PDB file of all heavy atoms in Angstrom:
ATOM      1  N   ARG A   1       0.833  -1.209   0.000  1.00  0.00           N
ATOM      2  CA  ARG A   1       0.000   0.000   0.000  1.00  0.00           C
ATOM      3  C   ARG A   1       0.865   1.255   0.000  1.00  0.00           C
ATOM      4  O   ARG A   1       0.584   2.221  -0.727  1.00  0.00           O
ATOM      5  CB  ARG A   1      -0.926  -0.004   1.208  1.00  0.00           C
ATOM      6  CG  ARG A   1      -2.035  -1.054   1.153  1.00  0.00           C
ATOM      7  CD  ARG A   1      -3.056  -0.833   2.252  1.00  0.00           C
ATOM      8  NE  ARG A   1      -4.079  -1.874   2.258  1.00  0.00           N
ATOM      9  CZ  ARG A   1      -4.082  -2.917   3.067  1.00  0.00           C
ATOM     10  NH1 ARG A   1      -3.100  -3.049   3.982  1.00  0.00           N
ATOM     11  NH2 ARG A   1      -5.029  -3.826   2.996  1.00  0.00           N
ATOM     12  N   GLU A   2       1.901   1.266   0.824  1.00  0.00           N
ATOM     13  CA  GLU A   2       2.774   2.442   0.918  1.00  0.00           C
ATOM     14  C   GLU A   2       3.451   2.754  -0.407  1.00  0.00           C
ATOM     15  O   GLU A   2       3.748   3.915  -0.698  1.00  0.00           O
ATOM     16  CB  GLU A   2       3.834   2.215   2.002  1.00  0.00           C
ATOM     17  CG  GLU A   2       3.276   2.257   3.426  1.00  0.00           C
ATOM     18  CD  GLU A   2       4.275   1.774   4.454  1.00  0.00           C
ATOM     19  OE1 GLU A   2       5.411   1.387   4.058  1.00  0.00           O
ATOM     20  OE2 GLU A   2       3.933   1.758   5.652  1.00  0.00           O
ATOM     21  N   HIS A   3       3.706   1.722  -1.208  1.00  0.00           N
ATOM     22  CA  HIS A   3       4.386   1.924  -2.489  1.00  0.00           C
ATOM     23  C   HIS A   3       3.414   1.952  -3.671  1.00  0.00           C
ATOM     24  O   HIS A   3       3.848   1.969  -4.829  1.00  0.00           O
ATOM     25  CB  HIS A   3       5.440   0.827  -2.695  1.00  0.00           C
ATOM     26  CG  HIS A   3       6.627   0.970  -1.790  1.00  0.00           C
ATOM     27  ND1 HIS A   3       6.621   0.500  -0.485  1.00  0.00           N
ATOM     28  CD2 HIS A   3       7.847   1.538  -1.990  1.00  0.00           C
ATOM     29  CE1 HIS A   3       7.786   0.762   0.072  1.00  0.00           C
ATOM     30  NE2 HIS A   3       8.548   1.397  -0.797  1.00  0.00           N
ATOM     31  N   GLY A   4       2.123   1.976  -3.379  1.00  0.00           N
ATOM     32  CA  GLY A   4       1.132   2.080  -4.438  1.00  0.00           C
ATOM     33  C   GLY A   4       1.087   0.874  -5.367  1.00  0.00           C
ATOM     34  O   GLY A   4       0.755   1.016  -6.550  1.00  0.00           O
ATOM     35  N   ILE A   5       1.398  -0.289  -4.845  1.00  0.00           N
ATOM     36  CA  ILE A   5       1.431  -1.505  -5.655  1.00  0.00           C
ATOM     37  C   ILE A   5       0.089  -2.225  -5.504  1.00  0.00           C
ATOM     38  O   ILE A   5      -0.292  -2.603  -4.394  1.00  0.00           O
ATOM     39  CB  ILE A   5       2.582  -2.428  -5.215  1.00  0.00           C
ATOM     40  CG1 ILE A   5       3.916  -1.711  -5.387  1.00  0.00           C
ATOM     41  CG2 ILE A   5       2.566  -3.740  -6.008  1.00  0.00           C
ATOM     42  CD1 ILE A   5       5.079  -2.409  -4.708  1.00  0.00           C
ATOM     43  N   PRO A   6      -0.618  -2.439  -6.612  1.00  0.00           N
ATOM     44  CA  PRO A   6      -1.931  -3.093  -6.512  1.00  0.00           C
ATOM     45  C   PRO A   6      -1.791  -4.567  -6.107  1.00  0.00           C
ATOM     46  O   PRO A   6      -0.916  -5.279  -6.595  1.00  0.00           O
ATOM     47  CB  PRO A   6      -2.508  -2.980  -7.932  1.00  0.00           C
ATOM     48  CG  PRO A   6      -1.656  -1.967  -8.628  1.00  0.00           C
ATOM     49  CD  PRO A   6      -0.307  -2.040  -7.983  1.00  0.00           C
ATOM     50  N   PHE A   7      -2.668  -5.011  -5.221  1.00  0.00           N
ATOM     51  CA  PHE A   7      -2.718  -6.412  -4.839  1.00  0.00           C
ATOM     52  C   PHE A   7      -4.148  -6.718  -4.415  1.00  0.00           C
ATOM     53  O   PHE A   7      -4.974  -5.813  -4.232  1.00  0.00           O
ATOM     54  CB  PHE A   7      -1.734  -6.720  -3.698  1.00  0.00           C
ATOM     55  CG  PHE A   7      -2.128  -6.149  -2.363  1.00  0.00           C
ATOM     56  CD1 PHE A   7      -2.825  -6.903  -1.437  1.00  0.00           C
ATOM     57  CD2 PHE A   7      -1.811  -4.833  -2.036  1.00  0.00           C
ATOM     58  CE1 PHE A   7      -3.206  -6.372  -0.209  1.00  0.00           C
ATOM     59  CE2 PHE A   7      -2.188  -4.286  -0.818  1.00  0.00           C
ATOM     60  CZ  PHE A   7      -2.884  -5.058   0.105  1.00  0.00           C
ATOM     61  N   PHE A   8      -4.423  -7.992  -4.245  1.00  0.00           N
ATOM     62  CA  PHE A   8      -5.774  -8.412  -3.885  1.00  0.00           C
ATOM     63  C   PHE A   8      -5.760  -8.996  -2.484  1.00  0.00           C
ATOM     64  O   PHE A   8      -5.024  -9.952  -2.221  1.00  0.00           O
ATOM     65  CB  PHE A   8      -6.289  -9.438  -4.898  1.00  0.00           C
ATOM     66  CG  PHE A   8      -6.374  -8.885  -6.290  1.00  0.00           C
ATOM     67  CD1 PHE A   8      -5.337  -9.092  -7.194  1.00  0.00           C
ATOM     68  CD2 PHE A   8      -7.454  -8.115  -6.679  1.00  0.00           C
ATOM     69  CE1 PHE A   8      -5.389  -8.560  -8.468  1.00  0.00           C
ATOM     70  CE2 PHE A   8      -7.521  -7.577  -7.951  1.00  0.00           C
ATOM     71  CZ  PHE A   8      -6.476  -7.797  -8.852  1.00  0.00           C
ATOM     72  N   PRO A   9      -6.528  -8.426  -1.557  1.00  0.00           N
ATOM     73  CA  PRO A   9      -6.594  -8.976  -0.204  1.00  0.00           C
ATOM     74  C   PRO A   9      -6.946 -10.461  -0.244  1.00  0.00           C
ATOM     75  O   PRO A   9      -7.771 -10.902  -1.038  1.00  0.00           O
ATOM     76  CB  PRO A   9      -7.694  -8.145   0.457  1.00  0.00           C
ATOM     77  CG  PRO A   9      -7.665  -6.845  -0.290  1.00  0.00           C
ATOM     78  CD  PRO A   9      -7.357  -7.218  -1.708  1.00  0.00           C
ATOM     79  N   SER A  10      -6.318 -11.221   0.622  1.00  0.00           N
ATOM     80  CA  SER A  10      -6.393 -12.675   0.552  1.00  0.00           C
ATOM     81  C   SER A  10      -6.728 -13.282   1.904  1.00  0.00           C
ATOM     82  O   SER A  10      -6.319 -12.764   2.947  1.00  0.00           O
ATOM     83  CB  SER A  10      -5.035 -13.217   0.070  1.00  0.00           C
ATOM     84  OG  SER A  10      -4.883 -14.585   0.325  1.00  0.00           O
ATOM     85  N   ASP A  11      -7.442 -14.408   1.874  1.00  0.00           N
ATOM     86  CA  ASP A  11      -7.732 -15.169   3.084  1.00  0.00           C
ATOM     87  C   ASP A  11      -6.754 -16.329   3.254  1.00  0.00           C
ATOM     88  O   ASP A  11      -6.905 -17.136   4.174  1.00  0.00           O
ATOM     89  CB  ASP A  11      -9.155 -15.731   3.032  1.00  0.00           C
ATOM     90  CG  ASP A  11     -10.209 -14.647   3.061  1.00  0.00           C
ATOM     91  OD1 ASP A  11     -10.012 -13.649   3.793  1.00  0.00           O
ATOM     92  OD2 ASP A  11     -11.228 -14.775   2.350  1.00  0.00           O
ATOM     93  N   ALA A  12      -5.761 -16.432   2.376  1.00  0.00           N
ATOM     94  CA  ALA A  12      -4.832 -17.556   2.386  1.00  0.00           C
ATOM     95  C   ALA A  12      -3.429 -17.075   2.718  1.00  0.00           C
ATOM     96  O   ALA A  12      -3.205 -15.902   3.042  1.00  0.00           O
ATOM     97  CB  ALA A  12      -4.859 -18.273   1.041  1.00  0.00           C
ATOM     98  N   ASN A  13      -2.458 -17.972   2.594  1.00  0.00           N
ATOM     99  CA  ASN A  13      -1.068 -17.664   2.932  1.00  0.00           C
ATOM    100  C   ASN A  13      -0.297 -17.178   1.718  1.00  0.00           C
ATOM    101  O   ASN A  13       0.885 -17.500   1.538  1.00  0.00           O
ATOM    102  CB  ASN A  13      -0.368 -18.896   3.520  1.00  0.00           C
ATOM    103  CG  ASN A  13      -0.279 -20.045   2.526  1.00  0.00           C
ATOM    104  OD1 ASN A  13      -1.187 -20.252   1.718  1.00  0.00           O
ATOM    105  ND2 ASN A  13       0.800 -20.807   2.589  1.00  0.00           N
ATOM    106  N   PHE A  14      -0.951 -16.407   0.867  1.00  0.00           N
ATOM    107  CA  PHE A  14      -0.286 -15.836  -0.306  1.00  0.00           C
ATOM    108  C   PHE A  14      -1.043 -14.587  -0.732  1.00  0.00           C
ATOM    109  O   PHE A  14      -2.184 -14.356  -0.317  1.00  0.00           O
ATOM    110  CB  PHE A  14      -0.205 -16.845  -1.452  1.00  0.00           C
ATOM    111  CG  PHE A  14      -1.548 -17.374  -1.914  1.00  0.00           C
ATOM    112  CD1 PHE A  14      -2.356 -16.649  -2.782  1.00  0.00           C
ATOM    113  CD2 PHE A  14      -2.006 -18.605  -1.475  1.00  0.00           C
ATOM    114  CE1 PHE A  14      -3.584 -17.128  -3.194  1.00  0.00           C
ATOM    115  CE2 PHE A  14      -3.241 -19.096  -1.871  1.00  0.00           C
ATOM    116  CZ  PHE A  14      -4.032 -18.359  -2.735  1.00  0.00           C
ATOM    117  N   LEU A  15      -0.392 -13.801  -1.564  1.00  0.00           N
ATOM    118  CA  LEU A  15      -1.013 -12.609  -2.134  1.00  0.00           C
ATOM    119  C   LEU A  15      -0.814 -12.616  -3.644  1.00  0.00           C
ATOM    120  O   LEU A  15       0.242 -13.025  -4.146  1.00  0.00           O
ATOM    121  CB  LEU A  15      -0.388 -11.336  -1.554  1.00  0.00           C
ATOM    122  CG  LEU A  15      -0.711 -11.005  -0.098  1.00  0.00           C
ATOM    123  CD1 LEU A  15       0.162  -9.848   0.384  1.00  0.00           C
ATOM    124  CD2 LEU A  15      -2.196 -10.652   0.059  1.00  0.00           C
ATOM    125  N   LEU A  16      -1.821 -12.163  -4.360  1.00  0.00           N
ATOM    126  CA  LEU A  16      -1.744 -11.953  -5.800  1.00  0.00           C
ATOM    127  C   LEU A  16      -1.428 -10.484  -6.017  1.00  0.00           C
ATOM    128  O   LEU A  16      -2.211  -9.608  -5.633  1.00  0.00           O
ATOM    129  CB  LEU A  16      -3.066 -12.340  -6.459  1.00  0.00           C
ATOM    130  CG  LEU A  16      -3.102 -12.395  -7.985  1.00  0.00           C
ATOM    131  CD1 LEU A  16      -2.177 -13.485  -8.512  1.00  0.00           C
ATOM    132  CD2 LEU A  16      -4.529 -12.625  -8.467  1.00  0.00           C
ATOM    133  N   VAL A  17      -0.275 -10.214  -6.619  1.00  0.00           N
ATOM    134  CA  VAL A  17       0.242  -8.849  -6.739  1.00  0.00           C
ATOM    135  C   VAL A  17       0.343  -8.475  -8.213  1.00  0.00           C
ATOM    136  O   VAL A  17       0.845  -9.259  -9.028  1.00  0.00           O
ATOM    137  CB  VAL A  17       1.634  -8.722  -6.090  1.00  0.00           C
ATOM    138  CG1 VAL A  17       2.135  -7.285  -6.155  1.00  0.00           C
ATOM    139  CG2 VAL A  17       1.590  -9.201  -4.639  1.00  0.00           C
ATOM    140  N   ARG A  18      -0.136  -7.289  -8.550  1.00  0.00           N
ATOM    141  CA  ARG A  18      -0.098  -6.841  -9.942  1.00  0.00           C
ATOM    142  C   ARG A  18       1.215  -6.118 -10.227  1.00  0.00           C
ATOM    143  O   ARG A  18       1.732  -5.379  -9.377  1.00  0.00           O
ATOM    144  CB  ARG A  18      -1.287  -5.929 -10.221  1.00  0.00           C
ATOM    145  CG  ARG A  18      -1.430  -5.469 -11.660  1.00  0.00           C
ATOM    146  CD  ARG A  18      -2.829  -4.958 -11.928  1.00  0.00           C
ATOM    147  NE  ARG A  18      -3.766  -6.063 -12.152  1.00  0.00           N
ATOM    148  CZ  ARG A  18      -5.077  -5.988 -11.942  1.00  0.00           C
ATOM    149  NH1 ARG A  18      -5.615  -4.873 -11.470  1.00  0.00           N
ATOM    150  NH2 ARG A  18      -5.852  -7.011 -12.202  1.00  0.00           N
ATOM    151  N   SER A  19       1.760  -6.330 -11.421  1.00  0.00           N
ATOM    152  CA  SER A  19       3.017  -5.696 -11.809  1.00  0.00           C
ATOM    153  C   SER A  19       3.001  -5.399 -13.302  1.00  0.00           C
ATOM    154  O   SER A  19       2.426  -6.168 -14.091  1.00  0.00           O
ATOM    155  CB  SER A  19       4.203  -6.617 -11.483  1.00  0.00           C
ATOM    156  OG  SER A  19       5.408  -6.106 -12.021  1.00  0.00           O
ATOM    157  N   GLN A  20       3.642  -4.314 -13.690  1.00  0.00           N
ATOM    158  CA  GLN A  20       3.752  -3.980 -15.105  1.00  0.00           C
ATOM    159  C   GLN A  20       4.814  -4.820 -15.798  1.00  0.00           C
ATOM    160  O   GLN A  20       4.882  -4.857 -17.031  1.00  0.00           O
ATOM    161  CB  GLN A  20       4.067  -2.487 -15.272  1.00  0.00           C
ATOM    162  CG  GLN A  20       2.956  -1.568 -14.793  1.00  0.00           C
ATOM    163  CD  GLN A  20       3.294  -0.100 -14.985  1.00  0.00           C
ATOM    164  OE1 GLN A  20       4.434   0.274 -15.239  1.00  0.00           O
ATOM    165  NE2 GLN A  20       2.277   0.751 -14.881  1.00  0.00           N
ATOM    166  N   ASP A  21       5.646  -5.490 -15.038  1.00  0.00           N
ATOM    167  CA  ASP A  21       6.709  -6.319 -15.607  1.00  0.00           C
ATOM    168  C   ASP A  21       6.860  -7.579 -14.773  1.00  0.00           C
ATOM    169  O   ASP A  21       7.801  -7.739 -14.001  1.00  0.00           O
ATOM    170  CB  ASP A  21       8.030  -5.531 -15.646  1.00  0.00           C
ATOM    171  CG  ASP A  21       9.159  -6.315 -16.302  1.00  0.00           C
ATOM    172  OD1 ASP A  21       8.881  -7.329 -16.974  1.00  0.00           O
ATOM    173  OD2 ASP A  21      10.332  -5.907 -16.125  1.00  0.00           O
ATOM    174  N   VAL A  22       5.887  -8.495 -14.934  1.00  0.00           N
ATOM    175  CA  VAL A  22       5.873  -9.705 -14.115  1.00  0.00           C
ATOM    176  C   VAL A  22       7.134 -10.535 -14.341  1.00  0.00           C
ATOM    177  O   VAL A  22       7.767 -11.007 -13.386  1.00  0.00           O
ATOM    178  CB  VAL A  22       4.610 -10.542 -14.421  1.00  0.00           C
ATOM    179  CG1 VAL A  22       4.688 -11.893 -13.721  1.00  0.00           C
ATOM    180  CG2 VAL A  22       3.363  -9.790 -13.972  1.00  0.00           C
ATOM    181  N   GLY A  23       7.513 -10.706 -15.609  1.00  0.00           N
ATOM    182  CA  GLY A  23       8.704 -11.482 -15.902  1.00  0.00           C
ATOM    183  C   GLY A  23       9.956 -10.863 -15.319  1.00  0.00           C
ATOM    184  O   GLY A  23      10.825 -11.560 -14.770  1.00  0.00           O
ATOM    185  N   GLY A  24      10.045  -9.533 -15.412  1.00  0.00           N
ATOM    186  CA  GLY A  24      11.224  -8.841 -14.901  1.00  0.00           C
ATOM    187  C   GLY A  24      11.351  -8.930 -13.397  1.00  0.00           C
ATOM    188  O   GLY A  24      12.440  -9.171 -12.864  1.00  0.00           O
ATOM    189  N   ILE A  25      10.224  -8.767 -12.698  1.00  0.00           N
ATOM    190  CA  ILE A  25      10.300  -8.815 -11.238  1.00  0.00           C
ATOM    191  C   ILE A  25      10.582 -10.232 -10.756  1.00  0.00           C
ATOM    192  O   ILE A  25      11.347 -10.432  -9.810  1.00  0.00           O
ATOM    193  CB  ILE A  25       9.017  -8.239 -10.599  1.00  0.00           C
ATOM    194  CG1 ILE A  25       9.273  -7.953  -9.114  1.00  0.00           C
ATOM    195  CG2 ILE A  25       7.821  -9.163 -10.759  1.00  0.00           C
ATOM    196  CD1 ILE A  25       8.169  -7.143  -8.451  1.00  0.00           C
ATOM    197  N   ALA A  26      10.004 -11.238 -11.437  1.00  0.00           N
ATOM    198  CA  ALA A  26      10.286 -12.627 -11.050  1.00  0.00           C
ATOM    199  C   ALA A  26      11.759 -12.950 -11.262  1.00  0.00           C
ATOM    200  O   ALA A  26      12.388 -13.620 -10.430  1.00  0.00           O
ATOM    201  CB  ALA A  26       9.401 -13.580 -11.845  1.00  0.00           C
ATOM    202  N   ALA A  27      12.310 -12.460 -12.367  1.00  0.00           N
ATOM    203  CA  ALA A  27      13.732 -12.706 -12.646  1.00  0.00           C
ATOM    204  C   ALA A  27      14.612 -11.998 -11.624  1.00  0.00           C
ATOM    205  O   ALA A  27      15.652 -12.544 -11.197  1.00  0.00           O
ATOM    206  CB  ALA A  27      14.069 -12.249 -14.061  1.00  0.00           C
ATOM    207  N   TYR A  28      14.228 -10.793 -11.235  1.00  0.00           N
ATOM    208  CA  TYR A  28      15.023 -10.055 -10.251  1.00  0.00           C
ATOM    209  C   TYR A  28      15.024 -10.771  -8.903  1.00  0.00           C
ATOM    210  O   TYR A  28      16.070 -10.942  -8.274  1.00  0.00           O
ATOM    211  CB  TYR A  28      14.475  -8.637 -10.090  1.00  0.00           C
ATOM    212  CG  TYR A  28      15.367  -7.741  -9.258  1.00  0.00           C
ATOM    213  CD1 TYR A  28      16.405  -7.034  -9.850  1.00  0.00           C
ATOM    214  CD2 TYR A  28      15.187  -7.606  -7.879  1.00  0.00           C
ATOM    215  CE1 TYR A  28      17.239  -6.208  -9.100  1.00  0.00           C
ATOM    216  CE2 TYR A  28      16.015  -6.792  -7.124  1.00  0.00           C
ATOM    217  CZ  TYR A  28      17.024  -6.104  -7.738  1.00  0.00           C
ATOM    218  OH  TYR A  28      17.858  -5.298  -6.977  1.00  0.00           O
ATOM    219  N   PHE A  29      13.854 -11.190  -8.486  1.00  0.00           N
ATOM    220  CA  PHE A  29      13.790 -11.934  -7.222  1.00  0.00           C
ATOM    221  C   PHE A  29      14.625 -13.206  -7.302  1.00  0.00           C
ATOM    222  O   PHE A  29      15.342 -13.556  -6.360  1.00  0.00           O
ATOM    223  CB  PHE A  29      12.339 -12.282  -6.880  1.00  0.00           C
ATOM    224  CG  PHE A  29      11.584 -11.178  -6.199  1.00  0.00           C
ATOM    225  CD1 PHE A  29      10.399 -10.697  -6.723  1.00  0.00           C
ATOM    226  CD2 PHE A  29      12.059 -10.621  -5.020  1.00  0.00           C
ATOM    227  CE1 PHE A  29       9.692  -9.680  -6.092  1.00  0.00           C
ATOM    228  CE2 PHE A  29      11.368  -9.605  -4.376  1.00  0.00           C
ATOM    229  CZ  PHE A  29      10.183  -9.135  -4.916  1.00  0.00           C
ATOM    230  N   LYS A  30      14.560 -13.896  -8.426  1.00  0.00           N
ATOM    231  CA  LYS A  30      15.320 -15.130  -8.561  1.00  0.00           C
ATOM    232  C   LYS A  30      16.821 -14.859  -8.482  1.00  0.00           C
ATOM    233  O   LYS A  30      17.568 -15.648  -7.890  1.00  0.00           O
ATOM    234  CB  LYS A  30      14.976 -15.834  -9.875  1.00  0.00           C
ATOM    235  CG  LYS A  30      15.637 -17.201 -10.011  1.00  0.00           C
ATOM    236  CD  LYS A  30      15.157 -17.934 -11.255  1.00  0.00           C
ATOM    237  CE  LYS A  30      15.790 -19.324 -11.337  1.00  0.00           C
ATOM    238  NZ  LYS A  30      15.320 -20.065 -12.539  1.00  0.00           N
ATOM    239  N   SER A  31      17.248 -13.744  -9.059  1.00  0.00           N
ATOM    240  CA  SER A  31      18.673 -13.407  -8.989  1.00  0.00           C
ATOM    241  C   SER A  31      19.119 -13.131  -7.566  1.00  0.00           C
ATOM    242  O   SER A  31      20.311 -13.191  -7.257  1.00  0.00           O
ATOM    243  CB  SER A  31      18.961 -12.182  -9.869  1.00  0.00           C
ATOM    244  OG  SER A  31      18.448 -10.985  -9.286  1.00  0.00           O
TER     245      SER A  31
END
C-alpha cells in the first residue's frame, strides 16, 4: 500500500500482486 502496488486482499497464505513487468520482477527476485 505504501508503495502504491496493486494487490488483492487474501484469506490464504499468499497474495496476488499486480506488476507492469511480471517477468522482470520474477527474474530479479530469482537473482
